[in-house]
Protein backbone atom coordinates (compact mmCIF):
# COMPACT_ATOMS: atom_id res chain seq x y z
CA UNK A 1 0.00 0.00 0.00
CA UNK A 2 1.32 3.44 -0.94
CA UNK A 3 1.37 6.37 1.45
CA UNK A 4 -1.23 9.01 0.55
CA UNK A 5 -0.13 12.60 0.01
CA UNK A 6 -2.20 15.75 -0.35
CA UNK A 7 -1.13 18.05 -3.18
CA UNK A 8 -2.79 21.40 -3.85
CA UNK A 9 -3.64 21.90 -7.51
CA UNK A 10 -5.26 24.44 -9.78
CA UNK A 11 -7.61 23.36 -12.57
CA UNK A 12 -6.82 25.11 -15.86
CA UNK A 13 -7.71 24.26 -19.44
CA UNK A 14 -9.13 20.87 -18.43
CA UNK A 15 -5.95 19.84 -16.58
CA UNK A 16 -5.09 19.59 -12.87
CA UNK A 17 -1.79 21.43 -12.35
CA UNK A 18 0.05 20.81 -9.07
CA UNK A 19 1.17 23.86 -7.12
CA UNK A 20 4.29 22.02 -5.93
CA UNK A 21 6.69 19.52 -7.46
CA UNK A 22 5.28 15.98 -7.63
CA UNK A 23 7.64 13.04 -8.15
CA UNK A 24 5.90 10.24 -10.11
CA UNK A 25 6.91 7.75 -12.76
CA UNK A 26 5.81 8.76 -16.26
CA UNK A 27 2.56 6.97 -17.08
CA UNK A 28 1.92 6.11 -13.41
CA UNK A 29 -1.80 5.93 -12.63
CA UNK A 30 -2.98 7.58 -9.42
CA UNK A 31 -6.31 8.40 -7.80
CA UNK A 32 -7.24 12.03 -7.24
CA UNK A 33 -9.85 13.08 -4.68
CA UNK A 34 -11.32 16.46 -5.67
CA UNK A 35 -12.30 18.68 -2.74
CA UNK A 36 -13.55 22.21 -3.30
CA UNK A 37 -11.78 24.68 -1.04
CA UNK A 38 -13.98 27.34 0.51
CA UNK A 39 -13.15 30.91 -0.33
CA UNK A 40 -12.17 33.27 2.47
CA UNK A 41 -15.54 35.03 2.12
CA UNK A 42 -17.47 31.76 2.48
CA UNK A 43 -15.36 30.84 5.51
CA UNK A 44 -15.96 34.25 7.12
CA UNK A 45 -19.72 33.99 6.52
CA UNK A 46 -19.72 30.51 8.06
CA UNK A 47 -17.87 31.77 11.16
CA UNK A 48 -20.20 34.77 11.52
CA UNK A 49 -23.19 32.45 11.24
CA UNK A 50 -21.82 30.32 14.10
CA UNK A 51 -21.14 33.44 16.21
CA UNK A 52 -24.74 34.58 15.74
CA UNK A 53 -25.91 31.36 17.40
CA UNK A 54 -23.88 31.98 20.57
CA UNK A 55 -25.75 33.31 23.62
CA UNK A 56 -25.65 37.07 24.04
CA UNK A 57 -24.23 38.53 27.26
CA UNK A 58 -24.34 42.03 28.63
CA UNK A 59 -20.91 43.49 29.32
CA UNK A 60 -20.14 46.20 31.86
CA UNK A 61 -17.79 48.30 29.73
CA UNK A 62 -16.80 50.55 32.65
CA UNK A 63 -15.75 47.51 34.72
CA UNK A 64 -13.97 45.98 31.71
CA UNK A 65 -11.99 49.18 31.21
CA UNK A 66 -11.09 49.34 34.92
CA UNK A 67 -9.91 45.71 34.88
CA UNK A 68 -7.90 46.34 31.73
CA UNK A 69 -6.11 49.30 33.30
CA UNK A 70 -5.47 47.38 36.51
CA UNK A 71 -3.98 44.47 34.53
CA UNK A 72 -6.57 41.97 35.73
CA UNK A 73 -8.86 39.76 33.65
CA UNK A 74 -11.32 38.60 36.33
CA UNK A 75 -12.58 39.77 39.71
PDB file of N, CA and C in Angstrom:
ATOM      1  N   UNK A   1       0.851  -1.182   0.000  1.00  0.00           N
ATOM      2  CA  UNK A   1       0.000   0.000   0.000  1.00  0.00           C
ATOM      3  C   UNK A   1       0.890   1.237   0.000  1.00  0.00           C
ATOM      4  N   UNK A   2       0.536   2.216  -0.804  1.00  0.00           N
ATOM      5  CA  UNK A   2       1.323   3.437  -0.938  1.00  0.00           C
ATOM      6  C   UNK A   2       0.808   4.505   0.012  1.00  0.00           C
ATOM      7  N   UNK A   3       1.728   5.278   0.552  1.00  0.00           N
ATOM      8  CA  UNK A   3       1.368   6.372   1.452  1.00  0.00           C
ATOM      9  C   UNK A   3       0.645   7.470   0.668  1.00  0.00           C
ATOM     10  N   UNK A   4      -0.473   7.944   1.197  1.00  0.00           N
ATOM     11  CA  UNK A   4      -1.235   9.014   0.550  1.00  0.00           C
ATOM     12  C   UNK A   4      -0.568  10.353   0.821  1.00  0.00           C
ATOM     13  N   UNK A   5      -0.677  11.265  -0.134  1.00  0.00           N
ATOM     14  CA  UNK A   5      -0.131  12.597   0.012  1.00  0.00           C
ATOM     15  C   UNK A   5      -1.140  13.582  -0.549  1.00  0.00           C
ATOM     16  N   UNK A   6      -1.316  14.694   0.132  1.00  0.00           N
ATOM     17  CA  UNK A   6      -2.203  15.749  -0.352  1.00  0.00           C
ATOM     18  C   UNK A   6      -1.376  16.766  -1.120  1.00  0.00           C
ATOM     19  N   UNK A   7      -1.818  17.075  -2.329  1.00  0.00           N
ATOM     20  CA  UNK A   7      -1.133  18.054  -3.178  1.00  0.00           C
ATOM     21  C   UNK A   7      -2.161  19.079  -3.630  1.00  0.00           C
ATOM     22  N   UNK A   8      -1.901  20.349  -3.367  1.00  0.00           N
ATOM     23  CA  UNK A   8      -2.794  21.401  -3.847  1.00  0.00           C
ATOM     24  C   UNK A   8      -2.583  21.580  -5.347  1.00  0.00           C
ATOM     25  N   UNK A   9      -3.697  21.745  -6.055  1.00  0.00           N
ATOM     26  CA  UNK A   9      -3.635  21.898  -7.513  1.00  0.00           C
ATOM     27  C   UNK A   9      -4.547  23.041  -7.935  1.00  0.00           C
ATOM     28  N   UNK A  10      -4.347  23.495  -9.157  1.00  0.00           N
ATOM     29  CA  UNK A  10      -5.260  24.439  -9.780  1.00  0.00           C
ATOM     30  C   UNK A  10      -5.756  23.770 -11.058  1.00  0.00           C
ATOM     31  N   UNK A  11      -7.019  23.977 -11.379  1.00  0.00           N
ATOM     32  CA  UNK A  11      -7.609  23.362 -12.573  1.00  0.00           C
ATOM     33  C   UNK A  11      -7.647  24.419 -13.664  1.00  0.00           C
ATOM     34  N   UNK A  12      -6.888  24.174 -14.742  1.00  0.00           N
ATOM     35  CA  UNK A  12      -6.823  25.115 -15.856  1.00  0.00           C
ATOM     36  C   UNK A  12      -6.864  24.359 -17.172  1.00  0.00           C
ATOM     37  N   UNK A  13      -7.655  24.844 -18.091  1.00  0.00           N
ATOM     38  CA  UNK A  13      -7.713  24.261 -19.440  1.00  0.00           C
ATOM     39  C   UNK A  13      -7.946  22.754 -19.414  1.00  0.00           C
ATOM     40  N   UNK A  14      -8.791  22.285 -18.494  1.00  0.00           N
ATOM     41  CA  UNK A  14      -9.134  20.873 -18.426  1.00  0.00           C
ATOM     42  C   UNK A  14      -8.070  19.988 -17.800  1.00  0.00           C
ATOM     43  N   UNK A  15      -7.065  20.601 -17.154  1.00  0.00           N
ATOM     44  CA  UNK A  15      -5.955  19.841 -16.584  1.00  0.00           C
ATOM     45  C   UNK A  15      -5.726  20.271 -15.136  1.00  0.00           C
ATOM     46  N   UNK A  16      -5.472  19.282 -14.250  1.00  0.00           N
ATOM     47  CA  UNK A  16      -5.089  19.587 -12.873  1.00  0.00           C
ATOM     48  C   UNK A  16      -3.591  19.863 -12.846  1.00  0.00           C
ATOM     49  N   UNK A  17      -3.207  21.062 -12.402  1.00  0.00           N
ATOM     50  CA  UNK A  17      -1.794  21.430 -12.352  1.00  0.00           C
ATOM     51  C   UNK A  17      -1.359  21.562 -10.897  1.00  0.00           C
ATOM     52  N   UNK A  18      -0.390  20.735 -10.460  1.00  0.00           N
ATOM     53  CA  UNK A  18       0.051  20.810  -9.070  1.00  0.00           C
ATOM     54  C   UNK A  18       0.736  22.132  -8.770  1.00  0.00           C
ATOM     55  N   UNK A  19       0.544  22.615  -7.542  1.00  0.00           N
ATOM     56  CA  UNK A  19       1.167  23.864  -7.121  1.00  0.00           C
ATOM     57  C   UNK A  19       2.536  23.630  -6.484  1.00  0.00           C
ATOM     58  N   UNK A  20       2.960  22.379  -6.434  1.00  0.00           N
ATOM     59  CA  UNK A  20       4.291  22.023  -5.935  1.00  0.00           C
ATOM     60  C   UNK A  20       4.805  20.859  -6.781  1.00  0.00           C
ATOM     61  N   UNK A  21       6.099  20.610  -6.683  1.00  0.00           N
ATOM     62  CA  UNK A  21       6.694  19.518  -7.464  1.00  0.00           C
ATOM     63  C   UNK A  21       6.158  18.174  -6.970  1.00  0.00           C
ATOM     64  N   UNK A  22       5.772  17.326  -7.929  1.00  0.00           N
ATOM     65  CA  UNK A  22       5.284  15.979  -7.627  1.00  0.00           C
ATOM     66  C   UNK A  22       6.197  14.980  -8.341  1.00  0.00           C
ATOM     67  N   UNK A  23       6.736  14.042  -7.576  1.00  0.00           N
ATOM     68  CA  UNK A  23       7.637  13.039  -8.152  1.00  0.00           C
ATOM     69  C   UNK A  23       6.839  11.758  -8.411  1.00  0.00           C
ATOM     70  N   UNK A  24       6.615  11.453  -9.693  1.00  0.00           N
ATOM     71  CA  UNK A  24       5.902  10.242 -10.108  1.00  0.00           C
ATOM     72  C   UNK A  24       6.587   9.675 -11.338  1.00  0.00           C
ATOM     73  N   UNK A  25       6.423   8.374 -11.535  1.00  0.00           N
ATOM     74  CA  UNK A  25       6.909   7.750 -12.756  1.00  0.00           C
ATOM     75  C   UNK A  25       6.006   8.193 -13.907  1.00  0.00           C
ATOM     76  N   UNK A  26       6.596   8.406 -15.074  1.00  0.00           N
ATOM     77  CA  UNK A  26       5.814   8.762 -16.255  1.00  0.00           C
ATOM     78  C   UNK A  26       4.832   7.626 -16.540  1.00  0.00           C
ATOM     79  N   UNK A  27       3.577   7.968 -16.784  1.00  0.00           N
ATOM     80  CA  UNK A  27       2.557   6.971 -17.076  1.00  0.00           C
ATOM     81  C   UNK A  27       1.949   6.318 -15.849  1.00  0.00           C
ATOM     82  N   UNK A  28       2.422   6.682 -14.655  1.00  0.00           N
ATOM     83  CA  UNK A  28       1.917   6.108 -13.405  1.00  0.00           C
ATOM     84  C   UNK A  28       0.472   6.554 -13.195  1.00  0.00           C
ATOM     85  N   UNK A  29      -0.410   5.607 -12.913  1.00  0.00           N
ATOM     86  CA  UNK A  29      -1.804   5.934 -12.631  1.00  0.00           C
ATOM     87  C   UNK A  29      -1.972   6.169 -11.146  1.00  0.00           C
ATOM     88  N   UNK A  30      -2.701   7.236 -10.816  1.00  0.00           N
ATOM     89  CA  UNK A  30      -2.979   7.584  -9.420  1.00  0.00           C
ATOM     90  C   UNK A  30      -4.455   7.909  -9.284  1.00  0.00           C
ATOM     91  N   UNK A  31      -4.926   7.991  -8.072  1.00  0.00           N
ATOM     92  CA  UNK A  31      -6.305   8.396  -7.800  1.00  0.00           C
ATOM     93  C   UNK A  31      -6.281   9.797  -7.225  1.00  0.00           C
ATOM     94  N   UNK A  32      -7.152  10.654  -7.727  1.00  0.00           N
ATOM     95  CA  UNK A  32      -7.242  12.025  -7.237  1.00  0.00           C
ATOM     96  C   UNK A  32      -8.608  12.216  -6.590  1.00  0.00           C
ATOM     97  N   UNK A  33      -8.608  12.724  -5.368  1.00  0.00           N
ATOM     98  CA  UNK A  33      -9.853  13.076  -4.683  1.00  0.00           C
ATOM     99  C   UNK A  33     -10.008  14.587  -4.810  1.00  0.00           C
ATOM    100  N   UNK A  34     -11.091  15.033  -5.430  1.00  0.00           N
ATOM    101  CA  UNK A  34     -11.318  16.457  -5.665  1.00  0.00           C
ATOM    102  C   UNK A  34     -12.159  17.017  -4.521  1.00  0.00           C
ATOM    103  N   UNK A  35     -11.612  18.012  -3.838  1.00  0.00           N
ATOM    104  CA  UNK A  35     -12.304  18.682  -2.742  1.00  0.00           C
ATOM    105  C   UNK A  35     -12.293  20.176  -3.012  1.00  0.00           C
ATOM    106  N   UNK A  36     -13.468  20.773  -3.070  1.00  0.00           N
ATOM    107  CA  UNK A  36     -13.555  22.210  -3.304  1.00  0.00           C
ATOM    108  C   UNK A  36     -13.146  22.944  -2.038  1.00  0.00           C
ATOM    109  N   UNK A  37     -12.239  23.887  -2.181  1.00  0.00           N
ATOM    110  CA  UNK A  37     -11.778  24.684  -1.043  1.00  0.00           C
ATOM    111  C   UNK A  37     -12.664  25.910  -0.927  1.00  0.00           C
ATOM    112  N   UNK A  38     -13.140  26.163   0.293  1.00  0.00           N
ATOM    113  CA  UNK A  38     -13.984  27.336   0.513  1.00  0.00           C
ATOM    114  C   UNK A  38     -13.174  28.611   0.333  1.00  0.00           C
ATOM    115  N   UNK A  39     -13.810  29.609  -0.227  1.00  0.00           N
ATOM    116  CA  UNK A  39     -13.147  30.906  -0.334  1.00  0.00           C
ATOM    117  C   UNK A  39     -13.124  31.562   1.041  1.00  0.00           C
ATOM    118  N   UNK A  40     -12.268  32.547   1.206  1.00  0.00           N
ATOM    119  CA  UNK A  40     -12.174  33.267   2.474  1.00  0.00           C
ATOM    120  C   UNK A  40     -13.511  33.907   2.842  1.00  0.00           C
ATOM    121  N   UNK A  41     -14.241  34.388   1.852  1.00  0.00           N
ATOM    122  CA  UNK A  41     -15.537  35.025   2.121  1.00  0.00           C
ATOM    123  C   UNK A  41     -16.531  33.993   2.633  1.00  0.00           C
ATOM    124  N   UNK A  42     -16.566  32.815   2.018  1.00  0.00           N
ATOM    125  CA  UNK A  42     -17.466  31.756   2.478  1.00  0.00           C
ATOM    126  C   UNK A  42     -17.107  31.328   3.894  1.00  0.00           C
ATOM    127  N   UNK A  43     -15.814  31.229   4.174  1.00  0.00           N
ATOM    128  CA  UNK A  43     -15.360  30.840   5.506  1.00  0.00           C
ATOM    129  C   UNK A  43     -15.773  31.890   6.532  1.00  0.00           C
ATOM    130  N   UNK A  44     -15.589  33.165   6.207  1.00  0.00           N
ATOM    131  CA  UNK A  44     -15.962  34.253   7.120  1.00  0.00           C
ATOM    132  C   UNK A  44     -17.464  34.237   7.388  1.00  0.00           C
ATOM    133  N   UNK A  45     -18.267  34.040   6.346  1.00  0.00           N
ATOM    134  CA  UNK A  45     -19.722  33.988   6.521  1.00  0.00           C
ATOM    135  C   UNK A  45     -20.107  32.813   7.418  1.00  0.00           C
ATOM    136  N   UNK A  46     -19.439  31.686   7.248  1.00  0.00           N
ATOM    137  CA  UNK A  46     -19.715  30.509   8.056  1.00  0.00           C
ATOM    138  C   UNK A  46     -19.392  30.782   9.525  1.00  0.00           C
ATOM    139  N   UNK A  47     -18.266  31.432   9.780  1.00  0.00           N
ATOM    140  CA  UNK A  47     -17.875  31.768  11.159  1.00  0.00           C
ATOM    141  C   UNK A  47     -18.854  32.761  11.767  1.00  0.00           C
ATOM    142  N   UNK A  48     -19.234  33.781  11.014  1.00  0.00           N
ATOM    143  CA  UNK A  48     -20.196  34.769  11.521  1.00  0.00           C
ATOM    144  C   UNK A  48     -21.535  34.120  11.831  1.00  0.00           C
ATOM    145  N   UNK A  49     -21.942  33.169  11.003  1.00  0.00           N
ATOM    146  CA  UNK A  49     -23.187  32.451  11.239  1.00  0.00           C
ATOM    147  C   UNK A  49     -23.122  31.687  12.561  1.00  0.00           C
ATOM    148  N   UNK A  50     -21.990  31.047  12.838  1.00  0.00           N
ATOM    149  CA  UNK A  50     -21.821  30.322  14.101  1.00  0.00           C
ATOM    150  C   UNK A  50     -21.827  31.288  15.284  1.00  0.00           C
ATOM    151  N   UNK A  51     -21.187  32.454  15.118  1.00  0.00           N
ATOM    152  CA  UNK A  51     -21.136  33.438  16.205  1.00  0.00           C
ATOM    153  C   UNK A  51     -22.529  33.955  16.546  1.00  0.00           C
ATOM    154  N   UNK A  52     -23.379  34.102  15.516  1.00  0.00           N
ATOM    155  CA  UNK A  52     -24.743  34.579  15.742  1.00  0.00           C
ATOM    156  C   UNK A  52     -25.537  33.620  16.621  1.00  0.00           C
ATOM    157  N   UNK A  53     -25.167  32.345  16.619  1.00  0.00           N
ATOM    158  CA  UNK A  53     -25.908  31.359  17.401  1.00  0.00           C
ATOM    159  C   UNK A  53     -25.455  31.297  18.861  1.00  0.00           C
ATOM    160  N   UNK A  54     -24.355  31.981  19.183  1.00  0.00           N
ATOM    161  CA  UNK A  54     -23.880  31.981  20.570  1.00  0.00           C
ATOM    162  C   UNK A  54     -24.783  32.841  21.449  1.00  0.00           C
ATOM    163  N   UNK A  55     -24.903  32.496  22.736  1.00  0.00           N
ATOM    164  CA  UNK A  55     -25.745  33.307  23.618  1.00  0.00           C
ATOM    165  C   UNK A  55     -25.168  34.712  23.780  1.00  0.00           C
ATOM    166  N   UNK A  56     -26.050  35.675  23.871  1.00  0.00           N
ATOM    167  CA  UNK A  56     -25.648  37.073  24.040  1.00  0.00           C
ATOM    168  C   UNK A  56     -25.482  37.373  25.523  1.00  0.00           C
ATOM    169  N   UNK A  57     -24.465  38.152  25.866  1.00  0.00           N
ATOM    170  CA  UNK A  57     -24.229  38.528  27.261  1.00  0.00           C
ATOM    171  C   UNK A  57     -24.045  40.032  27.337  1.00  0.00           C
ATOM    172  N   UNK A  58     -24.569  40.612  28.399  1.00  0.00           N
ATOM    173  CA  UNK A  58     -24.337  42.031  28.631  1.00  0.00           C
ATOM    174  C   UNK A  58     -22.957  42.196  29.244  1.00  0.00           C
ATOM    175  N   UNK A  59     -22.255  43.242  28.822  1.00  0.00           N
ATOM    176  CA  UNK A  59     -20.913  43.491  29.319  1.00  0.00           C
ATOM    177  C   UNK A  59     -20.877  44.862  29.970  1.00  0.00           C
ATOM    178  N   UNK A  60     -20.333  44.931  31.172  1.00  0.00           N
ATOM    179  CA  UNK A  60     -20.143  46.203  31.862  1.00  0.00           C
ATOM    180  C   UNK A  60     -18.850  46.810  31.339  1.00  0.00           C
ATOM    181  N   UNK A  61     -18.970  47.743  30.376  1.00  0.00           N
ATOM    182  CA  UNK A  61     -17.793  48.300  29.728  1.00  0.00           C
ATOM    183  C   UNK A  61     -16.932  49.105  30.702  1.00  0.00           C
ATOM    184  N   UNK A  62     -17.564  49.783  31.666  1.00  0.00           N
ATOM    185  CA  UNK A  62     -16.797  50.548  32.651  1.00  0.00           C
ATOM    186  C   UNK A  62     -15.925  49.604  33.481  1.00  0.00           C
ATOM    187  N   UNK A  63     -16.514  48.483  33.944  1.00  0.00           N
ATOM    188  CA  UNK A  63     -15.752  47.508  34.717  1.00  0.00           C
ATOM    189  C   UNK A  63     -14.653  46.880  33.858  1.00  0.00           C
ATOM    190  N   UNK A  64     -14.962  46.565  32.608  1.00  0.00           N
ATOM    191  CA  UNK A  64     -13.967  45.977  31.710  1.00  0.00           C
ATOM    192  C   UNK A  64     -12.783  46.924  31.531  1.00  0.00           C
ATOM    193  N   UNK A  65     -13.069  48.195  31.378  1.00  0.00           N
ATOM    194  CA  UNK A  65     -11.986  49.177  31.212  1.00  0.00           C
ATOM    195  C   UNK A  65     -11.149  49.277  32.484  1.00  0.00           C
ATOM    196  N   UNK A  66     -11.810  49.281  33.654  1.00  0.00           N
ATOM    197  CA  UNK A  66     -11.085  49.338  34.924  1.00  0.00           C
ATOM    198  C   UNK A  66     -10.179  48.114  35.081  1.00  0.00           C
ATOM    199  N   UNK A  67     -10.700  46.929  34.779  1.00  0.00           N
ATOM    200  CA  UNK A  67      -9.912  45.707  34.879  1.00  0.00           C
ATOM    201  C   UNK A  67      -8.732  45.731  33.908  1.00  0.00           C
ATOM    202  N   UNK A  68      -8.975  46.260  32.722  1.00  0.00           N
ATOM    203  CA  UNK A  68      -7.905  46.341  31.735  1.00  0.00           C
ATOM    204  C   UNK A  68      -6.771  47.216  32.265  1.00  0.00           C
ATOM    205  N   UNK A  69      -7.133  48.378  32.812  1.00  0.00           N
ATOM    206  CA  UNK A  69      -6.105  49.303  33.301  1.00  0.00           C
ATOM    207  C   UNK A  69      -5.416  48.801  34.559  1.00  0.00           C
ATOM    208  N   UNK A  70      -6.086  47.960  35.312  1.00  0.00           N
ATOM    209  CA  UNK A  70      -5.475  47.378  36.509  1.00  0.00           C
ATOM    210  C   UNK A  70      -4.642  46.140  36.175  1.00  0.00           C
ATOM    211  N   UNK A  71      -4.748  45.658  34.946  1.00  0.00           N
ATOM    212  CA  UNK A  71      -3.980  44.471  34.532  1.00  0.00           C
ATOM    213  C   UNK A  71      -4.607  43.170  34.976  1.00  0.00           C
ATOM    214  N   UNK A  72      -5.881  43.184  35.317  1.00  0.00           N
ATOM    215  CA  UNK A  72      -6.570  41.972  35.729  1.00  0.00           C
ATOM    216  C   UNK A  72      -7.523  41.551  34.610  1.00  0.00           C
ATOM    217  N   UNK A  73      -7.888  40.265  34.629  1.00  0.00           N
ATOM    218  CA  UNK A  73      -8.858  39.762  33.655  1.00  0.00           C
ATOM    219  C   UNK A  73     -10.145  39.319  34.308  1.00  0.00           C
ATOM    220  N   UNK A  74     -10.132  39.058  35.596  1.00  0.00           N
ATOM    221  CA  UNK A  74     -11.317  38.604  36.332  1.00  0.00           C
ATOM    222  C   UNK A  74     -11.315  39.207  37.721  1.00  0.00           C
ATOM    223  N   UNK A  75     -12.506  39.346  38.312  1.00  0.00           N
ATOM    224  CA  UNK A  75     -12.583  39.772  39.708  1.00  0.00           C
ATOM    225  C   UNK A  75     -13.660  39.006  40.416  1.00  0.00           C
TER     226      UNK A  75
END
